[in-house]
C-alpha atoms as a PDB file:
ATOM      1  CA  MET A   1      23.214  25.491 -24.346  1.00  0.00           C
ATOM      2  CA  THR A   2      22.367  27.567 -21.425  1.00  0.00           C
ATOM      3  CA  ALA A   3      20.976  26.445 -18.481  1.00  0.00           C
ATOM      4  CA  SER A   4      17.449  28.748 -19.152  1.00  0.00           C
ATOM      5  CA  GLU A   5      17.668  26.432 -22.536  1.00  0.00           C
ATOM      6  CA  LEU A   6      17.931  22.979 -20.855  1.00  0.00           C
ATOM      7  CA  ALA A   7      15.248  23.801 -18.751  1.00  0.00           C
ATOM      8  CA  ASP A   8      12.618  24.626 -21.688  1.00  0.00           C
ATOM      9  CA  LEU A   9      13.756  21.287 -22.986  1.00  0.00           C
ATOM     10  CA  ALA A  10      13.086  19.678 -19.703  1.00  0.00           C
ATOM     11  CA  GLU A  11       9.734  20.788 -19.238  1.00  0.00           C
ATOM     12  CA  GLU A  12       8.194  20.780 -22.477  1.00  0.00           C
ATOM     13  CA  GLU A  13       4.784  18.876 -22.269  1.00  0.00           C
ATOM     14  CA  GLU A  14       5.182  15.550 -24.605  1.00  0.00           C
ATOM     15  CA  PRO A  15       8.865  14.063 -23.830  1.00  0.00           C
ATOM     16  CA  ARG A  16      11.011  13.688 -26.584  1.00  0.00           C
ATOM     17  CA  LYS A  17      11.877   9.676 -27.207  1.00  0.00           C
ATOM     18  CA  LYS A  18      15.308  11.126 -27.471  1.00  0.00           C
ATOM     19  CA  ARG A  19      17.039  12.202 -24.574  1.00  0.00           C
ATOM     20  CA  ALA A  20      19.601  14.348 -23.458  1.00  0.00           C
ATOM     21  CA  PRO A  21      23.127  12.613 -23.400  1.00  0.00           C
ATOM     22  CA  TRP A  22      24.366  12.006 -19.695  1.00  0.00           C
ATOM     23  CA  GLY A  23      27.573  14.151 -19.899  1.00  0.00           C
ATOM     24  CA  VAL A  24      25.261  16.922 -19.989  1.00  0.00           C
ATOM     25  CA  ILE A  25      22.835  16.088 -17.044  1.00  0.00           C
ATOM     26  CA  ALA A  26      26.219  15.284 -15.276  1.00  0.00           C
ATOM     27  CA  LEU A  27      27.522  19.049 -16.154  1.00  0.00           C
ATOM     28  CA  VAL A  28      24.840  20.579 -14.591  1.00  0.00           C
ATOM     29  CA  LEU A  29      25.071  18.394 -11.685  1.00  0.00           C
ATOM     30  CA  LEU A  30      28.484  18.750 -11.183  1.00  0.00           C
ATOM     31  CA  THR A  31      28.097  22.580 -10.847  1.00  0.00           C
ATOM     32  CA  GLY A  32      26.230  21.828  -7.824  1.00  0.00           C
ATOM     33  CA  LEU A  33      22.902  23.103  -9.350  1.00  0.00           C
ATOM     34  CA  ALA A  34      21.017  20.119 -10.292  1.00  0.00           C
ATOM     35  CA  LEU A  35      20.194  18.535  -6.432  1.00  0.00           C
ATOM     36  CA  ILE A  36      17.051  18.273  -4.924  1.00  0.00           C
ATOM     37  CA  ARG A  37      17.120  21.001  -2.185  1.00  0.00           C
ATOM     38  CA  ASN A  38      13.716  20.867  -0.291  1.00  0.00           C
ATOM     39  CA  GLY A  39      13.063  18.688   3.089  1.00  0.00           C
ATOM     40  CA  SER A  40      12.352  20.370   6.426  1.00  0.00           C
ATOM     41  CA  GLY A  41      14.481  17.821   8.797  1.00  0.00           C
ATOM     42  CA  GLU A  42      12.179  19.310  11.327  1.00  0.00           C
ATOM     43  CA  PHE A  43      11.641  16.334  13.275  1.00  0.00           C
ATOM     44  CA  ASP A  44      12.816  14.569  16.315  1.00  0.00           C
ATOM     45  CA  VAL A  45      13.809  11.767  14.927  1.00  0.00           C
ATOM     46  CA  GLY A  46      16.027  12.536  11.044  1.00  0.00           C
ATOM     47  CA  PRO A  47      15.456  10.244   7.964  1.00  0.00           C
ATOM     48  CA  PRO A  48      17.453   6.713   8.122  1.00  0.00           C
ATOM     49  CA  GLN A  49      20.768   7.201   6.488  1.00  0.00           C
ATOM     50  CA  PRO A  50      22.819   4.470   4.442  1.00  0.00           C
ATOM     51  CA  ALA A  51      25.158   2.009   5.982  1.00  0.00           C
ATOM     52  CA  SER A  52      28.756   2.271   4.688  1.00  0.00           C
ATOM     53  CA  ALA A  53      28.464  -1.495   3.759  1.00  0.00           C
ATOM     54  CA  ALA A  54      25.983  -0.577   1.460  1.00  0.00           C
ATOM     55  CA  ALA A  55      27.693   1.374  -1.147  1.00  0.00           C
ATOM     56  CA  ALA A  56      28.002   0.897  -4.927  1.00  0.00           C
ATOM     57  CA  GLU A  57      31.070  -1.165  -6.185  1.00  0.00           C
ATOM     58  CA  SER A  58      32.707   1.729  -7.869  1.00  0.00           C
ATOM     59  CA  ARG A  59      34.588  -0.447 -10.463  1.00  0.00           C
ATOM     60  CA  ALA A  60      31.329  -2.097 -12.273  1.00  0.00           C
ATOM     61  CA  THR A  61      32.210  -3.663 -15.309  1.00  0.00           C
ATOM     62  CA  PRO A  62      30.412  -4.571 -18.446  1.00  0.00           C
ATOM     63  CA  GLY A  63      30.601  -8.390 -17.609  1.00  0.00           C
ATOM     64  CA  THR A  64      28.356  -7.546 -14.837  1.00  0.00           C
ATOM     65  CA  PHE A  65      25.440  -6.803 -16.533  1.00  0.00           C
ATOM     66  CA  LEU A  66      25.467  -9.762 -18.892  1.00  0.00           C
ATOM     67  CA  ASN A  67      22.596 -11.460 -17.333  1.00  0.00           C
ATOM     68  CA  SER A  68      20.337  -7.742 -18.012  1.00  0.00           C
ATOM     69  CA  PRO A  69      17.570  -8.248 -19.683  1.00  0.00           C
ATOM     70  CA  ALA A  70      17.758  -6.127 -23.089  1.00  0.00           C
ATOM     71  CA  PRO A  71      16.786  -2.665 -22.859  1.00  0.00           C
ATOM     72  CA  LEU A  72      13.178  -1.868 -23.334  1.00  0.00           C
ATOM     73  CA  PRO A  73      11.885   0.944 -25.422  1.00  0.00           C
ATOM     74  CA  TYR A  74      10.901   4.534 -24.165  1.00  0.00           C
ATOM     75  CA  ALA A  75       7.258   4.665 -22.007  1.00  0.00           C
ATOM     76  CA  VAL A  76       6.694   7.038 -19.837  1.00  0.00           C
ATOM     77  CA  PRO A  77       6.578   5.820 -15.870  1.00  0.00           C
ATOM     78  CA  ASP A  78       2.856   5.997 -14.408  1.00  0.00           C
ATOM     79  CA  ARG A  79       4.066   4.194 -10.770  1.00  0.00           C
ATOM     80  CA  VAL A  80       7.188   3.318  -8.071  1.00  0.00           C
ATOM     81  CA  ARG A  81       6.432   0.786  -5.832  1.00  0.00           C
ATOM     82  CA  ILE A  82       9.793  -0.386  -3.515  1.00  0.00           C
ATOM     83  CA  PRO A  83       8.625  -2.935  -1.480  1.00  0.00           C
ATOM     84  CA  ALA A  84      10.609  -3.288   1.422  1.00  0.00           C
ATOM     85  CA  ILE A  85      10.050   0.557   2.564  1.00  0.00           C
ATOM     86  CA  ARG A  86       6.229   0.617   1.789  1.00  0.00           C
ATOM     87  CA  VAL A  87       6.415   3.066  -1.170  1.00  0.00           C
ATOM     88  CA  ASP A  88       3.775   2.784  -3.661  1.00  0.00           C
ATOM     89  CA  ALA A  89       3.385   6.105  -5.338  1.00  0.00           C
ATOM     90  CA  PRO A  90       2.532   7.953  -8.480  1.00  0.00           C
ATOM     91  CA  VAL A  91       4.920   9.142 -10.808  1.00  0.00           C
ATOM     92  CA  MET A  92       4.503  12.704 -12.207  1.00  0.00           C
ATOM     93  CA  ALA A  93       7.163  14.009 -15.023  1.00  0.00           C
ATOM     94  CA  VAL A  94      10.213  16.635 -13.871  1.00  0.00           C
ATOM     95  CA  GLY A  95      12.435  19.117 -15.391  1.00  0.00           C
ATOM     96  CA  LEU A  96      14.547  21.252 -14.426  1.00  0.00           C
ATOM     97  CA  ASP A  97      13.265  24.371 -12.090  1.00  0.00           C
ATOM     98  CA  ALA A  98      14.023  27.964 -12.509  1.00  0.00           C
ATOM     99  CA  ASP A  99      17.557  27.621 -10.741  1.00  0.00           C
ATOM    100  CA  GLY A 100      18.721  25.002 -12.707  1.00  0.00           C
ATOM    101  CA  TRP A 101      17.695  22.107 -10.084  1.00  0.00           C
ATOM    102  CA  VAL A 102      16.454  19.100 -10.769  1.00  0.00           C
ATOM    103  CA  GLY A 103      12.307  19.824 -10.399  1.00  0.00           C
ATOM    104  CA  ALA A 104      10.596  17.888  -7.597  1.00  0.00           C
ATOM    105  CA  PRO A 105       7.097  16.882  -7.007  1.00  0.00           C
ATOM    106  CA  PRO A 106       4.984  19.496  -5.630  1.00  0.00           C
ATOM    107  CA  PRO A 107       5.839  19.284  -1.762  1.00  0.00           C
ATOM    108  CA  GLU A 108       2.645  19.277  -0.152  1.00  0.00           C
ATOM    109  CA  ASP A 109       1.695  16.016  -1.856  1.00  0.00           C
ATOM    110  CA  PRO A 110       4.114  13.286   0.348  1.00  0.00           C
ATOM    111  CA  ASN A 111       3.307  10.627  -1.951  1.00  0.00           C
ATOM    112  CA  LEU A 112       4.672  11.482  -5.027  1.00  0.00           C
ATOM    113  CA  ALA A 113       7.649  11.152  -6.945  1.00  0.00           C
ATOM    114  CA  GLY A 114       8.926  12.470 -10.271  1.00  0.00           C
ATOM    115  CA  TRP A 115      10.880  10.903 -12.878  1.00  0.00           C
ATOM    116  CA  PHE A 116      13.230  13.465 -14.456  1.00  0.00           C
ATOM    117  CA  THR A 117      12.674  13.743 -18.368  1.00  0.00           C
ATOM    118  CA  GLY A 118      16.498  14.487 -18.903  1.00  0.00           C
ATOM    119  CA  ALA A 119      17.372  11.217 -18.724  1.00  0.00           C
ATOM    120  CA  VAL A 120      15.899   7.751 -20.479  1.00  0.00           C
ATOM    121  CA  SER A 121      12.405   6.522 -18.967  1.00  0.00           C
ATOM    122  CA  PRO A 122      12.825   3.625 -16.675  1.00  0.00           C
ATOM    123  CA  GLY A 123      14.157   0.384 -18.560  1.00  0.00           C
ATOM    124  CA  GLU A 124      15.412   2.243 -21.405  1.00  0.00           C
ATOM    125  CA  LYS A 125      19.100   1.587 -21.601  1.00  0.00           C
ATOM    126  CA  GLY A 126      20.976   4.219 -19.792  1.00  0.00           C
ATOM    127  CA  THR A 127      20.231   5.971 -16.274  1.00  0.00           C
ATOM    128  CA  ALA A 128      17.071   6.924 -15.114  1.00  0.00           C
ATOM    129  CA  VAL A 129      16.438   9.282 -12.638  1.00  0.00           C
ATOM    130  CA  VAL A 130      13.653   9.347 -10.263  1.00  0.00           C
ATOM    131  CA  VAL A 131      13.379  11.484  -6.846  1.00  0.00           C
ATOM    132  CA  GLY A 132      11.093  12.654  -3.902  1.00  0.00           C
ATOM    133  CA  HIS A 133      10.706  14.348  -1.168  1.00  0.00           C
ATOM    134  CA  VAL A 134      12.652  12.991   1.983  1.00  0.00           C
ATOM    135  CA  ASP A 135       9.602  15.185   4.037  1.00  0.00           C
ATOM    136  CA  ASN A 136       7.718  17.802   4.462  1.00  0.00           C
ATOM    137  CA  SER A 137       6.427  20.046   7.185  1.00  0.00           C
ATOM    138  CA  ARG A 138       3.904  17.649   8.189  1.00  0.00           C
ATOM    139  CA  GLY A 139       5.737  14.841   7.990  1.00  0.00           C
ATOM    140  CA  PRO A 140       7.588  12.187   6.341  1.00  0.00           C
ATOM    141  CA  ALA A 141       7.560  11.854   2.335  1.00  0.00           C
ATOM    142  CA  VAL A 142       7.477   8.769  -0.351  1.00  0.00           C
ATOM    143  CA  PHE A 143      11.366   9.067  -0.183  1.00  0.00           C
ATOM    144  CA  TYR A 144      11.956   9.105   3.671  1.00  0.00           C
ATOM    145  CA  ALA A 145      13.117   5.573   4.519  1.00  0.00           C
ATOM    146  CA  LEU A 146      15.175   5.430   1.189  1.00  0.00           C
ATOM    147  CA  GLY A 147      18.463   5.136   3.312  1.00  0.00           C
ATOM    148  CA  ALA A 148      17.098   2.140   4.812  1.00  0.00           C
ATOM    149  CA  LEU A 149      17.073   0.361   1.797  1.00  0.00           C
ATOM    150  CA  LYS A 150      19.675  -2.642   1.421  1.00  0.00           C
ATOM    151  CA  LYS A 151      21.773  -4.144  -1.667  1.00  0.00           C
ATOM    152  CA  GLY A 152      19.307  -6.332  -3.204  1.00  0.00           C
ATOM    153  CA  HIS A 153      16.005  -4.645  -2.545  1.00  0.00           C
ATOM    154  CA  ARG A 154      13.819  -4.067  -5.382  1.00  0.00           C
ATOM    155  CA  VAL A 155      12.410  -1.034  -7.410  1.00  0.00           C
ATOM    156  CA  GLU A 156       8.974  -1.820  -9.125  1.00  0.00           C
ATOM    157  CA  VAL A 157       8.548   1.109 -11.956  1.00  0.00           C
ATOM    158  CA  ALA A 158       5.191   0.869 -13.773  1.00  0.00           C
ATOM    159  CA  ARG A 159       5.133   2.394 -17.217  1.00  0.00           C
ATOM    160  CA  LYS A 160       2.318   3.215 -19.445  1.00  0.00           C
ATOM    161  CA  ASP A 161       2.779   1.231 -22.023  1.00  0.00           C
ATOM    162  CA  GLY A 162       1.818  -1.823 -19.643  1.00  0.00           C
ATOM    163  CA  LYS A 163       5.164  -3.068 -18.226  1.00  0.00           C
ATOM    164  CA  THR A 164       6.689  -3.557 -15.139  1.00  0.00           C
ATOM    165  CA  ALA A 165      10.464  -2.725 -15.196  1.00  0.00           C
ATOM    166  CA  VAL A 166      11.960  -3.970 -12.113  1.00  0.00           C
ATOM    167  CA  PHE A 167      15.270  -3.125 -10.738  1.00  0.00           C
ATOM    168  CA  GLU A 168      17.584  -4.213  -7.820  1.00  0.00           C
ATOM    169  CA  ILE A 169      19.479  -2.145  -5.516  1.00  0.00           C
ATOM    170  CA  TYR A 170      23.518  -3.038  -5.785  1.00  0.00           C
ATOM    171  CA  GLY A 171      24.514   0.554  -3.533  1.00  0.00           C
ATOM    172  CA  ILE A 172      23.226   3.005  -1.531  1.00  0.00           C
ATOM    173  CA  GLU A 173      25.017   5.626  -0.656  1.00  0.00           C
ATOM    174  CA  VAL A 174      24.559   9.829   0.569  1.00  0.00           C
ATOM    175  CA  PHE A 175      26.241  12.035  -1.276  1.00  0.00           C
ATOM    176  CA  ALA A 176      27.611  16.091  -0.012  1.00  0.00           C
ATOM    177  CA  LYS A 177      25.668  18.517  -2.516  1.00  0.00           C
ATOM    178  CA  ASN A 178      28.660  20.202  -2.634  1.00  0.00           C
ATOM    179  CA  ASN A 179      31.143  17.302  -3.537  1.00  0.00           C
ATOM    180  CA  PHE A 180      28.146  15.122  -5.962  1.00  0.00           C
ATOM    181  CA  PRO A 181      29.857  12.597  -8.398  1.00  0.00           C
ATOM    182  CA  GLY A 182      27.801  13.553 -11.471  1.00  0.00           C
ATOM    183  CA  ASP A 183      29.358  11.265 -14.153  1.00  0.00           C
ATOM    184  CA  ARG A 184      29.238   8.499 -10.918  1.00  0.00           C
ATOM    185  CA  VAL A 185      25.701   8.493 -10.436  1.00  0.00           C
ATOM    186  CA  TYR A 186      24.390   9.596 -13.485  1.00  0.00           C
ATOM    187  CA  GLY A 187      26.787   7.548 -16.078  1.00  0.00           C
ATOM    188  CA  SER A 188      25.953   4.832 -18.479  1.00  0.00           C
ATOM    189  CA  LYS A 189      27.060   1.354 -17.384  1.00  0.00           C
ATOM    190  CA  GLY A 190      25.543  -0.131 -20.908  1.00  0.00           C
ATOM    191  CA  ALA A 191      22.754  -1.211 -19.344  1.00  0.00           C
ATOM    192  CA  PRO A 192      19.217  -0.059 -17.765  1.00  0.00           C
ATOM    193  CA  GLU A 193      19.584   1.387 -14.852  1.00  0.00           C
ATOM    194  CA  LEU A 194      18.140   3.587 -12.295  1.00  0.00           C
ATOM    195  CA  ARG A 195      19.050   5.837  -9.416  1.00  0.00           C
ATOM    196  CA  VAL A 196      16.345   7.011  -6.668  1.00  0.00           C
ATOM    197  CA  ILE A 197      16.847  10.271  -5.116  1.00  0.00           C
ATOM    198  CA  THR A 198      16.340  12.409  -2.335  1.00  0.00           C
ATOM    199  CA  CYS A 199      17.784  14.707   0.526  1.00  0.00           C
ATOM    200  CA  GLY A 200      20.229  12.831   3.201  1.00  0.00           C
ATOM    201  CA  GLY A 201      22.983  13.644   5.255  1.00  0.00           C
ATOM    202  CA  GLY A 202      22.596  16.879   8.134  1.00  0.00           C
ATOM    203  CA  PHE A 203      20.383  19.231   8.230  1.00  0.00           C
ATOM    204  CA  SER A 204      20.525  22.578   9.058  1.00  0.00           C
ATOM    205  CA  LYS A 205      17.241  25.397   9.156  1.00  0.00           C
ATOM    206  CA  GLN A 206      19.495  27.548   6.884  1.00  0.00           C
ATOM    207  CA  ASN A 207      21.263  25.903   4.324  1.00  0.00           C
ATOM    208  CA  GLY A 208      18.636  22.480   4.483  1.00  0.00           C
ATOM    209  CA  TYR A 209      19.989  18.939   4.282  1.00  0.00           C
ATOM    210  CA  ASP A 210      23.856  18.903   3.109  1.00  0.00           C
ATOM    211  CA  GLY A 211      23.529  15.691   1.013  1.00  0.00           C
ATOM    212  CA  ASN A 212      21.585  13.506  -1.288  1.00  0.00           C
ATOM    213  CA  VAL A 213      20.802   9.954  -0.736  1.00  0.00           C
ATOM    214  CA  VAL A 214      21.019   7.706  -3.887  1.00  0.00           C
ATOM    215  CA  ALA A 215      20.191   4.672  -4.673  1.00  0.00           C
ATOM    216  CA  PHE A 216      21.771   2.731  -7.568  1.00  0.00           C
ATOM    217  CA  ALA A 217      19.948  -0.318  -9.472  1.00  0.00           C
ATOM    218  CA  ARG A 218      19.962  -2.249 -12.624  1.00  0.00           C
ATOM    219  CA  LEU A 219      17.517  -3.884 -14.232  1.00  0.00           C
ATOM    220  CA  VAL A 220      16.780  -7.673 -13.748  1.00  0.00           C
ATOM    221  CA  GLU A 221      13.240  -8.211 -14.596  1.00  0.00           C
ATOM    222  CA  VAL A 222      10.166  -7.059 -16.648  1.00  0.00           C
ATOM    223  CA  ARG A 223       7.216  -8.346 -16.232  1.00  0.00           C
END
């Protein structure tokens, strides 16, 4: 399937319950295409960056997830809340843009997150993906402080079926866009997981941010 066909599939108005396999998503990511590329970097103090101690364990095993709640059925996410960094934002569906990048919400709305429809919905078995801008021309945006999160912090995703999927952060890292570990970030761990992604790393006016901040989280509660 071509990148154009993937984009057409992801942008359908009524997302299908059966999602693209993570391997397809990882393949796109590993080509260096499907990464959030917006963000102005035009501020005196840049966004916080993850501490090295917050890195996700790379040798997680299925046994790590024995106490996780049962996976939820498909439901469109409605809102994301991250109390530790005062995020409370509506969520819109995003697919791939015309250039094959993961689409992001309109940059003029700083308090808006996007759910990537090419992956599972938050709470389903597999890895769900929520993205958002770090900043825009007027100032910080929804995930500006994402890099300040620590292990144990929680991400709450309210779904349109009335359930709230609560995820606990177990790692947060910044990855260079030209060496993005797609299979590690997006691969299924055998349980419901979430990745929250925004721009990060160094910034230049010519190329924008050179990395992406990724928060790794697993489902720990359903309300």
